[in-house]
């Protein structure tokens, strides 16, 4: 059996602990059969040959911006079949000037209420596809940043949360928390939870993210 290859790209704003959060999943990927490499420099996205040989990119880089070359090379690799995945601000609170990147991931962080909020993650009962990521997991409660995100109907939403009415809006507002997406031949997985290591250690969240990373990877490794 051929080994699949995963590339973790981490850095940016230290408030999201890109080192600690990615280290949590590195051994899980290895146990799932991936050979894992790590880059702490966005210039890795300029290496088209490397990305073409990579079955999964895990992006954990909050803030910053991709160069035009980095964005074009990364998006082209995903369109050709490289999987792409991440969580929280490391994947949708970043590269906000990179329109092609944002279309690929299918969402952008806009705002969250101040501080950590207690809320319920509602797991979809019967998602139209990709339900294996949340199979056997029911609704669960978390205490973390509650993301207000912009997204589109191309996403398959596997879990949601509801922001209660606030000063500027009179009705509850539902937002996606976990989604999958196809972009060309590539698969994309996003989870909005994961501000800190303890958020990703919540058993339900850890299981969803681990399954999502494996799901997003190229189905068959390149030989």
Protein backbone atom coordinates (compact mmCIF):
# COMPACT_ATOMS: atom_id res chain seq x y z
CA UNK A 1 0.00 0.00 0.00
CA UNK A 2 1.40 3.41 -0.98
CA UNK A 3 1.85 6.04 1.70
CA UNK A 4 -0.10 9.25 1.40
CA UNK A 5 1.71 12.51 2.06
CA UNK A 6 0.44 15.38 4.21
CA UNK A 7 1.95 18.85 4.44
CA UNK A 8 1.23 21.00 7.50
CA UNK A 9 1.77 24.71 6.88
CA UNK A 10 1.70 26.66 10.13
CA UNK A 11 2.55 30.11 11.44
CA UNK A 12 1.10 33.60 11.46
CA UNK A 13 -0.59 35.05 14.54
CA UNK A 14 0.57 33.18 17.64
CA UNK A 15 -2.74 33.82 19.43
CA UNK A 16 -4.18 30.81 17.60
CA UNK A 17 -1.26 28.62 18.70
CA UNK A 18 -0.50 27.15 15.28
CA UNK A 19 2.30 25.02 16.73
CA UNK A 20 0.30 23.49 19.58
CA UNK A 21 -2.84 22.94 17.54
CA UNK A 22 -1.11 21.25 14.62
CA UNK A 23 1.04 19.11 16.91
CA UNK A 24 -2.22 17.71 18.28
CA UNK A 25 -3.11 16.23 14.90
CA UNK A 26 0.32 15.37 13.52
CA UNK A 27 0.49 11.97 15.28
CA UNK A 28 -3.13 11.27 14.34
CA UNK A 29 -2.26 11.75 10.70
CA UNK A 30 0.73 9.46 11.06
CA UNK A 31 -1.45 6.79 12.65
CA UNK A 32 -3.82 7.18 9.70
CA UNK A 33 -0.98 6.24 7.38
CA UNK A 34 0.34 9.64 6.27
CA UNK A 35 3.96 10.66 5.97
CA UNK A 36 3.83 14.19 7.38
CA UNK A 37 6.09 17.14 6.66
CA UNK A 38 5.87 20.61 8.20
CA UNK A 39 6.60 24.04 6.76
CA UNK A 40 6.66 27.30 8.69
CA UNK A 41 7.08 29.42 5.58
CA UNK A 42 4.35 30.26 3.07
CA UNK A 43 6.91 30.08 0.29
CA UNK A 44 6.30 26.32 0.29
CA UNK A 45 3.21 27.15 -1.78
CA UNK A 46 5.50 28.25 -4.62
CA UNK A 47 6.68 24.66 -5.12
CA UNK A 48 4.22 23.29 -7.67
CA UNK A 49 5.96 19.93 -7.89
CA UNK A 50 5.81 19.42 -4.12
CA UNK A 51 2.13 20.34 -3.96
CA UNK A 52 1.36 18.02 -6.86
CA UNK A 53 2.92 15.16 -4.86
CA UNK A 54 1.05 16.13 -1.69
CA UNK A 55 -2.22 14.36 -0.90
CA UNK A 56 -3.31 16.71 1.90
CA UNK A 57 -2.43 20.27 2.90
CA UNK A 58 -3.33 21.29 6.47
CA UNK A 59 -3.27 25.08 6.63
CA UNK A 60 -2.90 26.71 10.06
CA UNK A 61 -1.78 30.27 9.38
CA UNK A 62 -3.87 33.10 10.85
CA UNK A 63 -3.54 36.52 9.29
CA UNK A 64 -1.12 37.37 6.54
CA UNK A 65 -1.55 37.17 2.83
CA UNK A 66 -0.48 34.85 0.03
CA UNK A 67 1.54 36.25 -2.82
CA UNK A 68 -0.06 36.01 -6.25
CA UNK A 69 2.28 33.11 -7.09
CA UNK A 70 1.58 31.28 -3.82
CA UNK A 71 -2.17 31.63 -4.23
CA UNK A 72 -2.17 30.53 -7.86
CA UNK A 73 0.04 27.50 -7.23
CA UNK A 74 -1.90 26.35 -4.16
CA UNK A 75 -5.32 26.72 -5.76
CA UNK A 76 -4.14 24.98 -8.92
CA UNK A 77 -2.89 22.03 -6.84
CA UNK A 78 -6.24 21.69 -5.07
CA UNK A 79 -8.11 21.93 -8.36
CA UNK A 80 -5.92 19.08 -9.60
CA UNK A 81 -6.70 16.86 -6.59
CA UNK A 82 -4.61 17.86 -3.58
CA UNK A 83 -6.81 17.91 -0.45
CA UNK A 84 -6.99 21.05 1.69
CA UNK A 85 -8.16 21.34 5.30
CA UNK A 86 -7.97 23.49 8.40
CA UNK A 87 -9.78 24.99 11.34
CA UNK A 88 -10.74 28.32 12.85
CA UNK A 89 -8.83 31.48 11.94
CA UNK A 90 -5.99 29.41 10.57
CA UNK A 91 -8.03 28.66 7.47
CA UNK A 92 -10.86 31.26 7.20
CA UNK A 93 -9.40 34.18 9.21
CA UNK A 94 -6.47 34.50 6.85
CA UNK A 95 -5.56 35.52 3.30
CA UNK A 96 -8.54 37.87 3.24
CA UNK A 97 -7.25 39.67 0.14
CA UNK A 98 -6.82 36.41 -1.74
CA UNK A 99 -10.13 36.01 -3.56
CA UNK A 100 -9.23 32.73 -5.27
CA UNK A 101 -8.18 31.23 -1.95
CA UNK A 102 -11.42 32.34 -0.25
CA UNK A 103 -13.55 30.90 -3.04
CA UNK A 104 -11.67 27.63 -2.70
CA UNK A 105 -12.25 27.30 1.07
CA UNK A 106 -15.85 28.50 0.79
CA UNK A 107 -15.99 30.91 3.69
CA UNK A 108 -14.48 33.87 5.50
CA UNK A 109 -14.48 34.84 9.17
CA UNK A 110 -16.06 38.25 9.71
CA UNK A 111 -16.69 38.72 13.46
CA UNK A 112 -17.25 37.06 16.81
CA UNK A 113 -18.78 38.32 20.06
CA UNK A 114 -16.21 39.45 22.57
CA UNK A 115 -14.61 36.68 24.58
CA UNK A 116 -15.56 33.04 24.73
CA UNK A 117 -19.22 32.07 24.41
CA UNK A 118 -21.07 28.94 25.49
CA UNK A 119 -23.06 27.53 22.59
CA UNK A 120 -24.28 24.28 21.10
CA UNK A 121 -22.91 22.75 17.93
CA UNK A 122 -25.85 21.20 16.07
CA UNK A 123 -24.79 18.21 13.99
CA UNK A 124 -26.82 17.67 10.81
CA UNK A 125 -29.10 14.63 11.14
CA UNK A 126 -28.82 13.48 7.54
CA UNK A 127 -26.32 15.49 5.51
CA UNK A 128 -26.64 14.98 1.75
CA UNK A 129 -23.09 13.60 1.61
CA UNK A 130 -19.89 13.30 3.63
CA UNK A 131 -21.84 12.28 6.71
CA UNK A 132 -19.11 9.83 7.66
CA UNK A 133 -17.23 12.78 9.17
CA UNK A 134 -19.90 13.31 11.83
CA UNK A 135 -21.36 9.80 11.97
CA UNK A 136 -22.36 8.80 15.51
CA UNK A 137 -21.82 12.32 16.90
CA UNK A 138 -24.77 14.20 18.34
CA UNK A 139 -25.14 17.85 19.29
CA UNK A 140 -22.51 19.01 21.77
CA UNK A 141 -21.71 22.10 23.81
CA UNK A 142 -18.54 24.17 23.59
CA UNK A 143 -17.14 27.34 25.13
CA UNK A 144 -15.00 29.23 22.69
CA UNK A 145 -15.14 32.02 20.12
CA UNK A 146 -18.42 31.96 18.23
CA UNK A 147 -17.67 32.73 14.61
CA UNK A 148 -19.85 34.82 12.32
CA UNK A 149 -18.86 33.70 8.84
CA UNK A 150 -19.74 34.39 5.22
CA UNK A 151 -20.17 31.27 3.09
CA UNK A 152 -22.05 29.98 0.07
CA UNK A 153 -24.37 27.20 -1.05
CA UNK A 154 -21.60 25.11 -2.63
CA UNK A 155 -20.63 23.91 0.84
CA UNK A 156 -22.02 20.73 2.34
CA UNK A 157 -22.76 21.84 5.90
CA UNK A 158 -22.26 19.12 8.50
CA UNK A 159 -22.76 21.18 11.67
CA UNK A 160 -24.11 24.61 12.59
CA UNK A 161 -24.52 26.95 15.55
CA UNK A 162 -26.93 29.76 16.34
CA UNK A 163 -26.04 33.24 17.49
CA UNK A 164 -28.75 34.70 19.72
CA UNK A 165 -30.35 38.06 18.85
CA UNK A 166 -28.07 41.02 19.52
CA UNK A 167 -28.23 44.77 19.53
CA UNK A 168 -28.21 45.05 15.75
CA UNK A 169 -30.22 41.94 14.81
CA UNK A 170 -33.57 40.83 16.18
CA UNK A 171 -33.65 37.17 15.15
CA UNK A 172 -31.37 34.20 15.86
CA UNK A 173 -28.81 33.67 13.11
CA UNK A 174 -27.53 30.24 12.09
CA UNK A 175 -23.97 29.80 10.87
CA UNK A 176 -22.00 26.81 9.56
CA UNK A 177 -19.47 25.31 11.95
CA UNK A 178 -18.25 22.36 9.89
CA UNK A 179 -18.41 22.02 6.13
CA UNK A 180 -16.96 20.16 3.18
CA UNK A 181 -16.48 21.43 -0.34
CA UNK A 182 -15.34 20.23 -3.72
CA UNK A 183 -13.03 22.48 -5.69
CA UNK A 184 -12.10 21.03 -9.02
CA UNK A 185 -10.79 17.54 -8.30
CA UNK A 186 -9.84 18.49 -4.74
CA UNK A 187 -11.68 18.13 -1.45
CA UNK A 188 -11.81 20.89 1.17
CA UNK A 189 -12.67 20.50 4.87
CA UNK A 190 -13.25 23.42 7.27
CA UNK A 191 -14.10 23.57 10.99
CA UNK A 192 -14.63 26.98 12.60
CA UNK A 193 -13.81 25.68 16.09
CA UNK A 194 -10.20 25.58 17.26
CA UNK A 195 -9.06 28.88 18.79
CA UNK A 196 -6.85 27.00 21.26
CA UNK A 197 -5.59 23.49 21.87
CA UNK A 198 -8.25 22.79 24.50
CA UNK A 199 -10.99 23.56 21.94
CA UNK A 200 -9.59 20.88 19.66
CA UNK A 201 -9.31 18.42 22.54
CA UNK A 202 -13.09 18.37 23.01
CA UNK A 203 -13.77 14.73 22.03
CA UNK A 204 -16.43 15.49 19.42
CA UNK A 205 -14.36 18.26 17.85
CA UNK A 206 -11.20 16.14 17.81
CA UNK A 207 -13.03 13.29 16.10
CA UNK A 208 -14.65 15.55 13.50
CA UNK A 209 -11.38 17.28 12.64
CA UNK A 210 -9.41 14.05 12.45
CA UNK A 211 -12.01 12.47 10.20
CA UNK A 212 -12.21 15.66 8.13
CA UNK A 213 -8.46 15.72 7.51
CA UNK A 214 -8.47 12.12 6.32
CA UNK A 215 -11.61 12.72 4.23
CA UNK A 216 -10.08 15.72 2.46
CA UNK A 217 -6.95 13.89 1.34
CA UNK A 218 -6.60 12.62 -2.19
CA UNK A 219 -8.44 9.32 -2.47
CA UNK A 220 -5.51 7.36 -3.88
CA UNK A 221 -1.90 8.44 -3.35
CA UNK A 222 0.22 9.28 -6.35
CA UNK A 223 2.78 6.64 -7.15
